[in-house]
N, C-alpha and C. Protein backbone atom coordinates (compact mmCIF):
# COMPACT_ATOMS: atom_id res chain seq x y z
N MET A 1 -28.12 -7.01 -7.59
CA MET A 1 -27.38 -5.76 -7.68
C MET A 1 -27.81 -5.02 -8.94
N THR A 2 -27.87 -3.71 -8.81
CA THR A 2 -28.16 -2.88 -9.98
C THR A 2 -26.89 -2.71 -10.81
N LEU A 3 -27.04 -2.23 -12.02
CA LEU A 3 -25.87 -1.97 -12.86
C LEU A 3 -24.95 -0.93 -12.22
N GLU A 4 -25.52 0.08 -11.56
CA GLU A 4 -24.71 1.09 -10.89
C GLU A 4 -23.91 0.46 -9.74
N GLU A 5 -24.53 -0.43 -8.99
CA GLU A 5 -23.82 -1.10 -7.89
C GLU A 5 -22.69 -1.98 -8.42
N ILE A 6 -22.94 -2.67 -9.50
CA ILE A 6 -21.90 -3.50 -10.13
C ILE A 6 -20.77 -2.61 -10.63
N SER A 7 -21.13 -1.50 -11.26
CA SER A 7 -20.14 -0.56 -11.77
C SER A 7 -19.27 -0.01 -10.64
N ASP A 8 -19.90 0.38 -9.53
CA ASP A 8 -19.14 0.90 -8.38
C ASP A 8 -18.15 -0.15 -7.88
N GLN A 9 -18.59 -1.40 -7.75
CA GLN A 9 -17.71 -2.47 -7.27
C GLN A 9 -16.51 -2.65 -8.20
N LEU A 10 -16.77 -2.67 -9.51
CA LEU A 10 -15.69 -2.85 -10.48
C LEU A 10 -14.74 -1.65 -10.48
N GLU A 11 -15.28 -0.45 -10.36
CA GLU A 11 -14.43 0.75 -10.33
C GLU A 11 -13.56 0.77 -9.08
N LEU A 12 -14.10 0.38 -7.94
CA LEU A 12 -13.31 0.35 -6.72
C LEU A 12 -12.24 -0.74 -6.79
N LYS A 13 -12.57 -1.88 -7.35
CA LYS A 13 -11.57 -2.94 -7.53
C LYS A 13 -10.44 -2.45 -8.43
N ARG A 14 -10.78 -1.75 -9.50
CA ARG A 14 -9.77 -1.20 -10.40
C ARG A 14 -8.91 -0.16 -9.67
N LEU A 15 -9.53 0.65 -8.82
CA LEU A 15 -8.80 1.67 -8.07
C LEU A 15 -7.73 1.05 -7.18
N VAL A 16 -8.10 0.02 -6.41
CA VAL A 16 -7.11 -0.59 -5.51
C VAL A 16 -6.04 -1.36 -6.30
N THR A 17 -6.41 -1.88 -7.46
CA THR A 17 -5.43 -2.53 -8.33
C THR A 17 -4.48 -1.50 -8.93
N ASP A 18 -5.01 -0.35 -9.31
CA ASP A 18 -4.15 0.73 -9.83
C ASP A 18 -3.14 1.16 -8.77
N TYR A 19 -3.56 1.21 -7.52
CA TYR A 19 -2.64 1.53 -6.42
C TYR A 19 -1.49 0.52 -6.38
N ALA A 20 -1.84 -0.77 -6.35
CA ALA A 20 -0.81 -1.81 -6.25
C ALA A 20 0.15 -1.74 -7.44
N ASN A 21 -0.38 -1.55 -8.63
CA ASN A 21 0.49 -1.48 -9.81
C ASN A 21 1.38 -0.24 -9.80
N ALA A 22 0.86 0.90 -9.37
CA ALA A 22 1.67 2.12 -9.31
C ALA A 22 2.85 1.93 -8.35
N ILE A 23 2.58 1.34 -7.19
CA ILE A 23 3.65 1.11 -6.21
C ILE A 23 4.66 0.12 -6.78
N ASP A 24 4.20 -1.01 -7.32
CA ASP A 24 5.10 -2.05 -7.80
C ASP A 24 5.93 -1.61 -9.00
N LEU A 25 5.38 -0.73 -9.82
CA LEU A 25 6.12 -0.22 -10.98
C LEU A 25 6.96 1.01 -10.62
N ARG A 26 6.85 1.44 -9.37
CA ARG A 26 7.56 2.63 -8.89
C ARG A 26 7.19 3.87 -9.71
N GLU A 27 5.94 3.92 -10.12
CA GLU A 27 5.41 5.06 -10.87
C GLU A 27 4.52 5.86 -9.92
N PHE A 28 5.16 6.55 -9.00
CA PHE A 28 4.46 7.18 -7.88
C PHE A 28 3.54 8.32 -8.30
N ASP A 29 3.80 8.95 -9.44
CA ASP A 29 2.89 10.01 -9.91
C ASP A 29 1.52 9.45 -10.29
N ARG A 30 1.46 8.16 -10.62
CA ARG A 30 0.16 7.54 -10.92
C ARG A 30 -0.76 7.52 -9.71
N LEU A 31 -0.17 7.65 -8.52
CA LEU A 31 -0.98 7.67 -7.30
C LEU A 31 -1.88 8.90 -7.23
N ASP A 32 -1.57 9.94 -8.01
CA ASP A 32 -2.43 11.13 -8.04
C ASP A 32 -3.82 10.81 -8.57
N ARG A 33 -3.93 9.71 -9.32
CA ARG A 33 -5.24 9.28 -9.84
C ARG A 33 -5.88 8.23 -8.93
N VAL A 34 -5.23 7.95 -7.79
CA VAL A 34 -5.73 6.96 -6.84
C VAL A 34 -6.24 7.63 -5.56
N PHE A 35 -5.49 8.62 -5.07
CA PHE A 35 -5.81 9.28 -3.81
C PHE A 35 -6.41 10.67 -4.05
N THR A 36 -7.23 11.11 -3.13
CA THR A 36 -7.64 12.52 -3.14
C THR A 36 -6.43 13.34 -2.69
N ALA A 37 -6.41 14.61 -3.07
CA ALA A 37 -5.28 15.47 -2.72
C ALA A 37 -5.11 15.60 -1.21
N ASP A 38 -6.21 15.48 -0.47
CA ASP A 38 -6.16 15.64 0.99
C ASP A 38 -6.29 14.31 1.74
N ALA A 39 -6.00 13.22 1.06
CA ALA A 39 -6.13 11.90 1.68
C ALA A 39 -5.18 11.75 2.87
N TYR A 40 -5.61 10.92 3.82
CA TYR A 40 -4.77 10.56 4.96
C TYR A 40 -4.34 9.11 4.77
N ILE A 41 -3.04 8.85 4.94
CA ILE A 41 -2.48 7.51 4.77
C ILE A 41 -1.72 7.15 6.05
N ASP A 42 -1.93 5.92 6.52
CA ASP A 42 -1.26 5.45 7.73
C ASP A 42 -0.62 4.09 7.44
N TYR A 43 0.69 4.09 7.23
CA TYR A 43 1.47 2.88 6.97
C TYR A 43 2.21 2.40 8.21
N ARG A 44 1.92 2.93 9.38
CA ARG A 44 2.70 2.62 10.58
C ARG A 44 2.61 1.15 11.01
N ALA A 45 1.52 0.47 10.73
CA ALA A 45 1.38 -0.92 11.18
C ALA A 45 2.45 -1.82 10.59
N MET A 46 3.01 -1.44 9.45
CA MET A 46 4.03 -2.26 8.81
C MET A 46 5.39 -1.55 8.80
N GLY A 47 5.55 -0.54 9.64
CA GLY A 47 6.85 0.10 9.79
C GLY A 47 7.03 1.40 9.03
N GLY A 48 5.97 1.91 8.43
CA GLY A 48 6.08 3.13 7.66
C GLY A 48 5.68 4.36 8.45
N ILE A 49 5.22 5.36 7.73
CA ILE A 49 4.82 6.63 8.34
C ILE A 49 3.33 6.84 8.14
N ASP A 50 2.82 7.92 8.71
CA ASP A 50 1.46 8.33 8.44
C ASP A 50 1.48 9.82 8.16
N GLY A 51 0.42 10.28 7.50
CA GLY A 51 0.32 11.71 7.23
C GLY A 51 -0.52 11.98 6.01
N PRO A 52 -0.52 13.25 5.57
CA PRO A 52 -1.28 13.62 4.38
C PRO A 52 -0.64 13.01 3.13
N TYR A 53 -1.47 12.75 2.14
CA TYR A 53 -1.01 12.10 0.91
C TYR A 53 0.25 12.73 0.31
N PRO A 54 0.34 14.06 0.15
CA PRO A 54 1.55 14.60 -0.48
C PRO A 54 2.84 14.23 0.26
N ALA A 55 2.81 14.24 1.58
CA ALA A 55 4.01 13.90 2.35
C ALA A 55 4.35 12.42 2.21
N VAL A 56 3.34 11.56 2.24
CA VAL A 56 3.58 10.12 2.10
C VAL A 56 4.06 9.80 0.69
N LYS A 57 3.49 10.44 -0.31
CA LYS A 57 3.94 10.23 -1.69
C LYS A 57 5.41 10.60 -1.85
N GLN A 58 5.82 11.67 -1.22
CA GLN A 58 7.22 12.10 -1.29
C GLN A 58 8.14 11.10 -0.57
N TRP A 59 7.66 10.49 0.49
CA TRP A 59 8.43 9.53 1.28
C TRP A 59 8.60 8.19 0.57
N LEU A 60 7.59 7.75 -0.18
CA LEU A 60 7.58 6.40 -0.75
C LEU A 60 8.81 6.05 -1.59
N PRO A 61 9.24 6.87 -2.55
CA PRO A 61 10.40 6.45 -3.37
C PRO A 61 11.65 6.18 -2.54
N GLN A 62 11.91 7.01 -1.55
CA GLN A 62 13.08 6.81 -0.70
C GLN A 62 12.92 5.56 0.16
N ALA A 63 11.73 5.36 0.72
CA ALA A 63 11.50 4.21 1.59
C ALA A 63 11.61 2.89 0.84
N LEU A 64 11.19 2.87 -0.41
CA LEU A 64 11.19 1.63 -1.19
C LEU A 64 12.45 1.44 -2.02
N LEU A 65 13.31 2.44 -2.03
CA LEU A 65 14.55 2.39 -2.80
C LEU A 65 15.42 1.20 -2.42
N HIS A 66 15.41 0.82 -1.16
CA HIS A 66 16.31 -0.22 -0.64
C HIS A 66 15.84 -1.63 -0.97
N PHE A 67 14.64 -1.76 -1.53
CA PHE A 67 14.11 -3.07 -1.87
C PHE A 67 14.23 -3.28 -3.38
N PRO A 68 15.09 -4.21 -3.83
CA PRO A 68 15.26 -4.39 -5.27
C PRO A 68 14.01 -4.92 -5.97
N ALA A 69 13.16 -5.62 -5.24
CA ALA A 69 11.94 -6.14 -5.86
C ALA A 69 10.88 -6.35 -4.78
N TYR A 70 9.64 -6.16 -5.17
CA TYR A 70 8.51 -6.40 -4.29
C TYR A 70 7.24 -6.49 -5.12
N MET A 71 6.19 -7.03 -4.51
CA MET A 71 4.91 -7.18 -5.19
C MET A 71 3.80 -7.01 -4.19
N HIS A 72 2.75 -6.32 -4.61
CA HIS A 72 1.54 -6.20 -3.80
C HIS A 72 0.45 -7.02 -4.50
N PHE A 73 0.14 -8.17 -3.94
CA PHE A 73 -0.88 -9.04 -4.50
C PHE A 73 -2.13 -8.86 -3.65
N ILE A 74 -3.19 -8.30 -4.25
CA ILE A 74 -4.37 -7.96 -3.47
C ILE A 74 -5.54 -8.89 -3.80
N GLY A 75 -6.44 -9.01 -2.84
CA GLY A 75 -7.63 -9.83 -3.02
C GLY A 75 -8.56 -9.69 -1.84
N ASN A 76 -9.56 -10.55 -1.78
CA ASN A 76 -10.55 -10.50 -0.70
C ASN A 76 -11.08 -9.09 -0.50
N CYS A 77 -11.37 -8.42 -1.60
CA CYS A 77 -11.82 -7.03 -1.55
C CYS A 77 -13.30 -6.97 -1.18
N THR A 78 -13.60 -6.16 -0.19
CA THR A 78 -14.98 -5.91 0.20
C THR A 78 -15.21 -4.41 0.18
N PHE A 79 -16.21 -3.99 -0.57
CA PHE A 79 -16.54 -2.57 -0.68
C PHE A 79 -18.00 -2.37 -0.29
N ASP A 80 -18.24 -1.46 0.63
CA ASP A 80 -19.60 -1.11 1.04
C ASP A 80 -19.86 0.32 0.59
N VAL A 81 -20.71 0.46 -0.42
CA VAL A 81 -20.98 1.76 -1.03
C VAL A 81 -22.24 2.36 -0.45
N ASP A 82 -22.15 3.65 -0.15
CA ASP A 82 -23.30 4.42 0.34
C ASP A 82 -23.30 5.75 -0.41
N GLY A 83 -23.98 5.77 -1.53
CA GLY A 83 -24.02 6.98 -2.35
C GLY A 83 -22.66 7.28 -2.96
N ASP A 84 -22.12 8.46 -2.60
CA ASP A 84 -20.84 8.88 -3.15
C ASP A 84 -19.67 8.62 -2.21
N SER A 85 -19.89 7.78 -1.21
CA SER A 85 -18.80 7.39 -0.32
C SER A 85 -18.86 5.87 -0.15
N ALA A 86 -17.75 5.33 0.28
CA ALA A 86 -17.67 3.89 0.46
C ALA A 86 -16.56 3.58 1.45
N THR A 87 -16.64 2.40 2.03
CA THR A 87 -15.57 1.88 2.86
C THR A 87 -15.15 0.54 2.27
N GLY A 88 -13.93 0.14 2.59
CA GLY A 88 -13.46 -1.12 2.04
C GLY A 88 -12.38 -1.74 2.87
N ARG A 89 -12.21 -3.03 2.63
CA ARG A 89 -11.16 -3.81 3.29
C ARG A 89 -10.55 -4.68 2.20
N VAL A 90 -9.23 -4.58 2.04
CA VAL A 90 -8.53 -5.25 0.96
C VAL A 90 -7.33 -5.99 1.54
N ALA A 91 -7.24 -7.29 1.30
CA ALA A 91 -6.10 -8.07 1.76
C ALA A 91 -4.93 -7.86 0.81
N CYS A 92 -3.72 -7.84 1.38
CA CYS A 92 -2.52 -7.67 0.57
C CYS A 92 -1.45 -8.65 1.04
N PHE A 93 -0.94 -9.44 0.10
CA PHE A 93 0.21 -10.30 0.32
C PHE A 93 1.38 -9.60 -0.34
N ASN A 94 2.43 -9.30 0.45
CA ASN A 94 3.49 -8.41 -0.01
C ASN A 94 4.87 -9.03 0.21
N PRO A 95 5.34 -9.87 -0.75
CA PRO A 95 6.72 -10.35 -0.65
C PRO A 95 7.67 -9.22 -1.06
N MET A 96 8.79 -9.11 -0.32
CA MET A 96 9.78 -8.06 -0.59
C MET A 96 11.18 -8.66 -0.49
N VAL A 97 11.99 -8.38 -1.51
CA VAL A 97 13.39 -8.81 -1.50
C VAL A 97 14.17 -7.80 -0.67
N VAL A 98 14.94 -8.32 0.29
CA VAL A 98 15.69 -7.47 1.21
C VAL A 98 17.17 -7.82 1.08
N PRO A 99 18.00 -6.86 0.67
CA PRO A 99 19.44 -7.15 0.62
C PRO A 99 19.98 -7.37 2.03
N ASN A 100 20.89 -8.32 2.17
CA ASN A 100 21.56 -8.51 3.45
C ASN A 100 22.51 -7.34 3.67
N PRO A 101 22.75 -6.97 4.90
CA PRO A 101 23.62 -5.82 5.16
C PRO A 101 25.01 -6.03 4.57
N ALA A 102 25.59 -4.94 4.12
CA ALA A 102 26.92 -4.99 3.54
C ALA A 102 27.96 -5.27 4.62
N THR A 103 28.91 -6.12 4.26
CA THR A 103 30.06 -6.39 5.11
C THR A 103 31.29 -5.99 4.30
N ASP A 104 32.07 -5.09 4.82
CA ASP A 104 33.23 -4.58 4.09
C ASP A 104 32.82 -4.03 2.73
N GLY A 105 31.63 -3.41 2.68
CA GLY A 105 31.18 -2.78 1.43
C GLY A 105 30.56 -3.74 0.43
N VAL A 106 30.46 -5.02 0.78
CA VAL A 106 29.92 -6.01 -0.15
C VAL A 106 28.58 -6.52 0.39
N VAL A 107 27.53 -6.43 -0.43
CA VAL A 107 26.23 -6.95 -0.03
C VAL A 107 26.30 -8.47 -0.07
N ALA A 108 25.85 -9.10 0.99
CA ALA A 108 25.96 -10.56 1.12
C ALA A 108 24.66 -11.24 0.69
N GLY A 109 24.26 -11.07 -0.54
CA GLY A 109 23.06 -11.72 -1.04
C GLY A 109 21.80 -11.02 -0.60
N SER A 110 20.70 -11.76 -0.62
CA SER A 110 19.42 -11.17 -0.24
C SER A 110 18.52 -12.26 0.35
N ASP A 111 17.47 -11.78 1.01
CA ASP A 111 16.43 -12.63 1.55
C ASP A 111 15.10 -12.11 1.02
N THR A 112 14.08 -12.91 1.16
CA THR A 112 12.74 -12.44 0.83
C THR A 112 11.88 -12.55 2.07
N MET A 113 11.29 -11.43 2.45
CA MET A 113 10.36 -11.45 3.57
C MET A 113 8.95 -11.38 3.01
N PHE A 114 7.99 -11.83 3.80
CA PHE A 114 6.60 -11.83 3.39
C PHE A 114 5.79 -11.05 4.42
N LEU A 115 5.00 -10.12 3.93
CA LEU A 115 4.13 -9.32 4.78
C LEU A 115 2.69 -9.59 4.39
N GLY A 116 1.85 -9.76 5.38
CA GLY A 116 0.42 -9.91 5.16
C GLY A 116 -0.29 -8.79 5.88
N LEU A 117 -1.12 -8.07 5.17
CA LEU A 117 -1.78 -6.92 5.77
C LEU A 117 -3.14 -6.70 5.13
N TRP A 118 -3.89 -5.85 5.78
CA TRP A 118 -5.18 -5.39 5.27
C TRP A 118 -5.08 -3.90 5.04
N TYR A 119 -5.64 -3.43 3.94
CA TYR A 119 -5.88 -2.00 3.76
C TYR A 119 -7.31 -1.74 4.18
N VAL A 120 -7.48 -0.86 5.13
CA VAL A 120 -8.81 -0.45 5.58
C VAL A 120 -9.00 0.96 5.03
N ASP A 121 -9.91 1.07 4.07
CA ASP A 121 -10.02 2.28 3.26
C ASP A 121 -11.35 2.99 3.42
N ARG A 122 -11.29 4.28 3.09
CA ARG A 122 -12.49 5.09 2.90
C ARG A 122 -12.34 5.73 1.52
N TYR A 123 -13.39 5.63 0.72
CA TYR A 123 -13.37 6.12 -0.66
C TYR A 123 -14.41 7.21 -0.85
N VAL A 124 -14.15 8.09 -1.83
CA VAL A 124 -15.14 9.10 -2.21
C VAL A 124 -15.23 9.13 -3.73
N ARG A 125 -16.45 9.38 -4.19
CA ARG A 125 -16.66 9.54 -5.63
C ARG A 125 -16.39 11.01 -5.95
N THR A 126 -15.51 11.26 -6.89
CA THR A 126 -15.18 12.62 -7.32
C THR A 126 -15.64 12.79 -8.76
N PRO A 127 -15.57 14.00 -9.29
CA PRO A 127 -15.90 14.18 -10.72
C PRO A 127 -15.01 13.34 -11.63
N ASP A 128 -13.83 12.96 -11.14
CA ASP A 128 -12.90 12.14 -11.93
C ASP A 128 -12.99 10.65 -11.60
N GLY A 129 -13.99 10.27 -10.80
CA GLY A 129 -14.15 8.86 -10.44
C GLY A 129 -13.83 8.63 -8.97
N TRP A 130 -13.85 7.37 -8.57
CA TRP A 130 -13.57 7.01 -7.18
C TRP A 130 -12.11 7.28 -6.84
N ARG A 131 -11.88 7.73 -5.60
CA ARG A 131 -10.53 7.97 -5.09
C ARG A 131 -10.48 7.49 -3.64
N ILE A 132 -9.28 7.15 -3.19
CA ILE A 132 -9.07 6.78 -1.79
C ILE A 132 -8.89 8.07 -0.99
N ALA A 133 -9.74 8.26 0.01
CA ALA A 133 -9.65 9.43 0.88
C ALA A 133 -8.89 9.10 2.17
N GLN A 134 -8.86 7.82 2.52
CA GLN A 134 -8.13 7.39 3.71
C GLN A 134 -7.72 5.94 3.53
N ARG A 135 -6.48 5.64 3.85
CA ARG A 135 -5.97 4.27 3.80
C ARG A 135 -5.17 4.02 5.07
N VAL A 136 -5.57 3.00 5.82
CA VAL A 136 -4.88 2.62 7.05
C VAL A 136 -4.50 1.15 6.92
N GLU A 137 -3.21 0.86 7.12
CA GLU A 137 -2.77 -0.53 7.10
C GLU A 137 -3.08 -1.18 8.44
N GLU A 138 -3.48 -2.43 8.37
CA GLU A 138 -3.71 -3.26 9.56
C GLU A 138 -2.85 -4.52 9.39
N LYS A 139 -1.92 -4.73 10.30
CA LYS A 139 -1.01 -5.86 10.20
C LYS A 139 -1.72 -7.17 10.47
N CYS A 140 -1.43 -8.16 9.63
CA CYS A 140 -1.91 -9.51 9.86
C CYS A 140 -0.73 -10.38 10.30
N TYR A 141 0.37 -10.38 9.53
CA TYR A 141 1.54 -11.18 9.88
C TYR A 141 2.76 -10.68 9.14
N ASP A 142 3.91 -11.12 9.58
CA ASP A 142 5.14 -10.98 8.81
C ASP A 142 5.93 -12.27 8.96
N PHE A 143 6.78 -12.54 7.98
CA PHE A 143 7.57 -13.76 7.98
C PHE A 143 8.94 -13.45 7.38
N ASN A 144 9.97 -13.89 8.04
CA ASN A 144 11.34 -13.78 7.56
C ASN A 144 11.85 -12.33 7.47
N VAL A 145 11.34 -11.48 8.35
CA VAL A 145 11.87 -10.12 8.41
C VAL A 145 13.25 -10.20 9.04
N PRO A 146 14.28 -9.70 8.34
CA PRO A 146 15.65 -9.81 8.89
C PRO A 146 15.75 -9.12 10.25
N GLU A 147 16.58 -9.69 11.11
CA GLU A 147 16.73 -9.15 12.46
C GLU A 147 17.22 -7.71 12.44
N TRP A 148 18.13 -7.38 11.53
CA TRP A 148 18.64 -6.01 11.48
C TRP A 148 17.52 -5.03 11.14
N MET A 149 16.54 -5.48 10.35
CA MET A 149 15.41 -4.60 10.00
C MET A 149 14.46 -4.46 11.19
N ARG A 150 14.23 -5.55 11.91
CA ARG A 150 13.39 -5.48 13.11
C ARG A 150 14.00 -4.51 14.13
N GLN A 151 15.31 -4.56 14.28
CA GLN A 151 15.98 -3.66 15.22
C GLN A 151 15.84 -2.21 14.77
N ALA A 152 15.99 -1.97 13.48
CA ALA A 152 15.87 -0.61 12.95
C ALA A 152 14.45 -0.09 13.16
N LEU A 153 13.45 -0.95 12.94
CA LEU A 153 12.07 -0.55 13.13
C LEU A 153 11.78 -0.27 14.60
N ALA A 154 12.35 -1.05 15.49
CA ALA A 154 12.13 -0.86 16.91
C ALA A 154 12.71 0.46 17.40
N GLN A 155 13.76 0.94 16.74
CA GLN A 155 14.40 2.18 17.14
C GLN A 155 13.70 3.41 16.58
N SER A 156 12.88 3.21 15.56
CA SER A 156 12.21 4.38 14.94
C SER A 156 10.91 4.73 15.62
């Protein structure tokens, strides 16, 4: 590999890590340095929405508000660079704490569900560095998703 190829790989790895950290820290404005302004995002495979980046960014804080804790642990990153564009596949292990539904106004503890997914990405090199131009989630598995959440997802 040339130094430029190594640099591209490291920059793309940093980009997807910056995404995970921005989401986990709930610092959604940091995503402006991760996505292009016109990026397309598709979170439907795991129960979310799809659409242009600004709409999805606006949706994220409300969608994640109900989860007191979560983590995006990424790995198995593969990036194929072709000049100023690239494609990638990134594995994500995503444990999420889910409050049990309230009974008589009292939350009855919590559970932790585990989501396994792939991010299938398209990247572009911009004057400000690499950015995600398209991100599509691909479901691998889920574990311990509460029944009430499965029912809510089935109705949406």
